[in-house]
Amino acid sequence: MSKKIIADESGKKKCVVQNHGKLTKEDIHDLAVFEERKNEPTISFDKLKAKLKSDGLI
């Protein structure tokens, strides 16, 4: 098992990722984005669908 440390632009450690395989750059980017956005408000799937319908996107 390998460990990778994800840091922000200033070098501050954001999280440690343990995996059983190789992480791609895209995987590491996704994990960093998840960490950055973890405190953002969420909405339910039903509210998301209603919003997309009202906006004419689905």
N, C-alpha and C. Protein backbone atom coordinates (compact mmCIF):
# COMPACT_ATOMS: atom_id res chain seq x y z
N MET A 1 0.86 -1.17 0.00
CA MET A 1 0.00 0.00 0.00
C MET A 1 0.91 1.24 0.00
N SER A 2 0.51 2.23 -0.77
CA SER A 2 1.29 3.47 -0.83
C SER A 2 0.49 4.61 -0.22
N LYS A 3 1.21 5.65 0.17
CA LYS A 3 0.58 6.85 0.72
C LYS A 3 1.02 8.04 -0.11
N LYS A 4 0.10 8.95 -0.34
CA LYS A 4 0.40 10.21 -1.00
C LYS A 4 -0.15 11.32 -0.12
N ILE A 5 0.59 12.39 0.01
CA ILE A 5 0.13 13.55 0.77
C ILE A 5 -0.27 14.63 -0.21
N ILE A 6 -1.47 15.13 -0.06
CA ILE A 6 -1.99 16.19 -0.91
C ILE A 6 -1.78 17.51 -0.16
N ALA A 7 -1.15 18.47 -0.83
CA ALA A 7 -0.89 19.77 -0.21
C ALA A 7 -1.47 20.87 -1.09
N ASP A 8 -1.78 22.00 -0.46
CA ASP A 8 -2.26 23.15 -1.23
C ASP A 8 -1.07 23.91 -1.82
N GLU A 9 -1.36 25.03 -2.47
CA GLU A 9 -0.31 25.79 -3.16
C GLU A 9 0.77 26.28 -2.21
N SER A 10 0.43 26.51 -0.95
CA SER A 10 1.40 27.01 0.01
C SER A 10 2.20 25.89 0.66
N GLY A 11 1.87 24.65 0.33
CA GLY A 11 2.58 23.51 0.90
C GLY A 11 1.91 22.93 2.13
N LYS A 12 0.78 23.52 2.55
CA LYS A 12 0.06 23.01 3.73
C LYS A 12 -0.58 21.67 3.38
N LYS A 13 -0.34 20.67 4.22
CA LYS A 13 -0.91 19.34 4.00
C LYS A 13 -2.43 19.40 4.11
N LYS A 14 -3.11 18.84 3.12
CA LYS A 14 -4.58 18.84 3.11
C LYS A 14 -5.14 17.46 3.47
N CYS A 15 -4.51 16.40 2.98
CA CYS A 15 -4.99 15.06 3.28
C CYS A 15 -3.93 14.04 2.89
N VAL A 16 -4.09 12.83 3.40
CA VAL A 16 -3.23 11.71 3.04
C VAL A 16 -4.11 10.69 2.34
N VAL A 17 -3.63 10.18 1.21
CA VAL A 17 -4.39 9.22 0.43
C VAL A 17 -3.66 7.89 0.47
N GLN A 18 -4.34 6.86 0.90
CA GLN A 18 -3.77 5.52 0.87
C GLN A 18 -4.50 4.75 -0.21
N ASN A 19 -3.75 4.03 -1.00
CA ASN A 19 -4.42 3.25 -2.04
C ASN A 19 -3.67 1.95 -2.26
N HIS A 20 -4.32 1.07 -2.99
CA HIS A 20 -3.75 -0.23 -3.29
C HIS A 20 -3.26 -0.30 -4.72
N GLY A 21 -3.38 0.77 -5.45
CA GLY A 21 -2.96 0.81 -6.84
C GLY A 21 -2.30 2.14 -7.13
N LYS A 22 -2.09 2.42 -8.37
CA LYS A 22 -1.43 3.65 -8.77
C LYS A 22 -2.47 4.75 -8.99
N LEU A 23 -2.21 5.92 -8.44
CA LEU A 23 -3.08 7.08 -8.65
C LEU A 23 -2.61 7.83 -9.89
N THR A 24 -3.57 8.26 -10.68
CA THR A 24 -3.24 9.10 -11.82
C THR A 24 -3.24 10.56 -11.37
N LYS A 25 -2.71 11.43 -12.19
CA LYS A 25 -2.75 12.87 -11.87
C LYS A 25 -4.19 13.34 -11.73
N GLU A 26 -5.08 12.77 -12.56
CA GLU A 26 -6.50 13.14 -12.48
C GLU A 26 -7.09 12.72 -11.14
N ASP A 27 -6.74 11.52 -10.66
CA ASP A 27 -7.22 11.06 -9.36
C ASP A 27 -6.78 12.02 -8.25
N ILE A 28 -5.51 12.41 -8.28
CA ILE A 28 -4.98 13.30 -7.26
C ILE A 28 -5.67 14.66 -7.33
N HIS A 29 -5.90 15.15 -8.53
CA HIS A 29 -6.62 16.43 -8.69
C HIS A 29 -8.03 16.32 -8.12
N ASP A 30 -8.74 15.23 -8.46
CA ASP A 30 -10.10 15.04 -7.95
C ASP A 30 -10.12 15.04 -6.43
N LEU A 31 -9.18 14.34 -5.82
CA LEU A 31 -9.13 14.29 -4.35
C LEU A 31 -8.86 15.67 -3.75
N ALA A 32 -8.01 16.45 -4.38
CA ALA A 32 -7.74 17.80 -3.90
C ALA A 32 -8.99 18.68 -4.00
N VAL A 33 -9.73 18.54 -5.10
CA VAL A 33 -10.96 19.32 -5.27
C VAL A 33 -12.00 18.89 -4.23
N PHE A 34 -12.12 17.58 -3.98
CA PHE A 34 -13.05 17.12 -2.95
C PHE A 34 -12.72 17.76 -1.61
N GLU A 35 -11.45 17.80 -1.27
CA GLU A 35 -11.02 18.38 0.00
C GLU A 35 -11.36 19.87 0.06
N GLU A 36 -11.09 20.60 -1.02
CA GLU A 36 -11.37 22.03 -1.05
C GLU A 36 -12.85 22.34 -0.90
N ARG A 37 -13.70 21.45 -1.42
CA ARG A 37 -15.13 21.74 -1.47
C ARG A 37 -15.94 21.05 -0.39
N LYS A 38 -15.28 20.39 0.55
CA LYS A 38 -16.00 19.57 1.53
C LYS A 38 -16.95 20.37 2.42
N ASN A 39 -16.72 21.65 2.59
CA ASN A 39 -17.59 22.46 3.46
C ASN A 39 -18.63 23.26 2.70
N GLU A 40 -18.71 23.06 1.39
CA GLU A 40 -19.72 23.78 0.60
C GLU A 40 -21.10 23.19 0.88
N PRO A 41 -22.13 24.01 0.77
CA PRO A 41 -23.49 23.49 1.00
C PRO A 41 -23.86 22.46 -0.05
N THR A 42 -24.72 21.55 0.32
CA THR A 42 -25.18 20.51 -0.61
C THR A 42 -26.68 20.66 -0.84
N ILE A 43 -27.16 20.01 -1.91
CA ILE A 43 -28.60 19.94 -2.17
C ILE A 43 -28.94 18.49 -2.48
N SER A 44 -30.19 18.15 -2.31
CA SER A 44 -30.62 16.78 -2.59
C SER A 44 -30.69 16.55 -4.10
N PHE A 45 -30.67 15.30 -4.48
CA PHE A 45 -30.76 14.94 -5.89
C PHE A 45 -32.08 15.43 -6.48
N ASP A 46 -33.16 15.32 -5.72
CA ASP A 46 -34.47 15.78 -6.21
C ASP A 46 -34.48 17.28 -6.46
N LYS A 47 -33.84 18.06 -5.58
CA LYS A 47 -33.76 19.51 -5.79
C LYS A 47 -32.90 19.82 -7.00
N LEU A 48 -31.82 19.06 -7.20
CA LEU A 48 -30.97 19.26 -8.36
C LEU A 48 -31.75 18.99 -9.64
N LYS A 49 -32.48 17.88 -9.68
CA LYS A 49 -33.29 17.57 -10.86
C LYS A 49 -34.32 18.64 -11.13
N ALA A 50 -34.99 19.13 -10.10
CA ALA A 50 -36.00 20.19 -10.27
C ALA A 50 -35.36 21.45 -10.82
N LYS A 51 -34.18 21.81 -10.32
CA LYS A 51 -33.48 23.00 -10.79
C LYS A 51 -33.09 22.84 -12.26
N LEU A 52 -32.55 21.68 -12.62
CA LEU A 52 -32.16 21.45 -14.02
C LEU A 52 -33.37 21.48 -14.95
N LYS A 53 -34.50 20.94 -14.49
CA LYS A 53 -35.73 20.98 -15.29
C LYS A 53 -36.22 22.41 -15.45
N SER A 54 -36.21 23.17 -14.35
CA SER A 54 -36.71 24.55 -14.43
C SER A 54 -35.81 25.43 -15.30
N ASP A 55 -34.53 25.06 -15.39
CA ASP A 55 -33.59 25.79 -16.24
C ASP A 55 -33.60 25.28 -17.69
N GLY A 56 -34.44 24.25 -17.95
CA GLY A 56 -34.54 23.70 -19.29
C GLY A 56 -33.34 22.87 -19.73
N LEU A 57 -32.60 22.38 -18.77
CA LEU A 57 -31.40 21.60 -19.10
C LEU A 57 -31.68 20.11 -19.22
N ILE A 58 -32.81 19.66 -18.67
CA ILE A 58 -33.22 18.26 -18.83
C ILE A 58 -34.71 18.21 -19.09
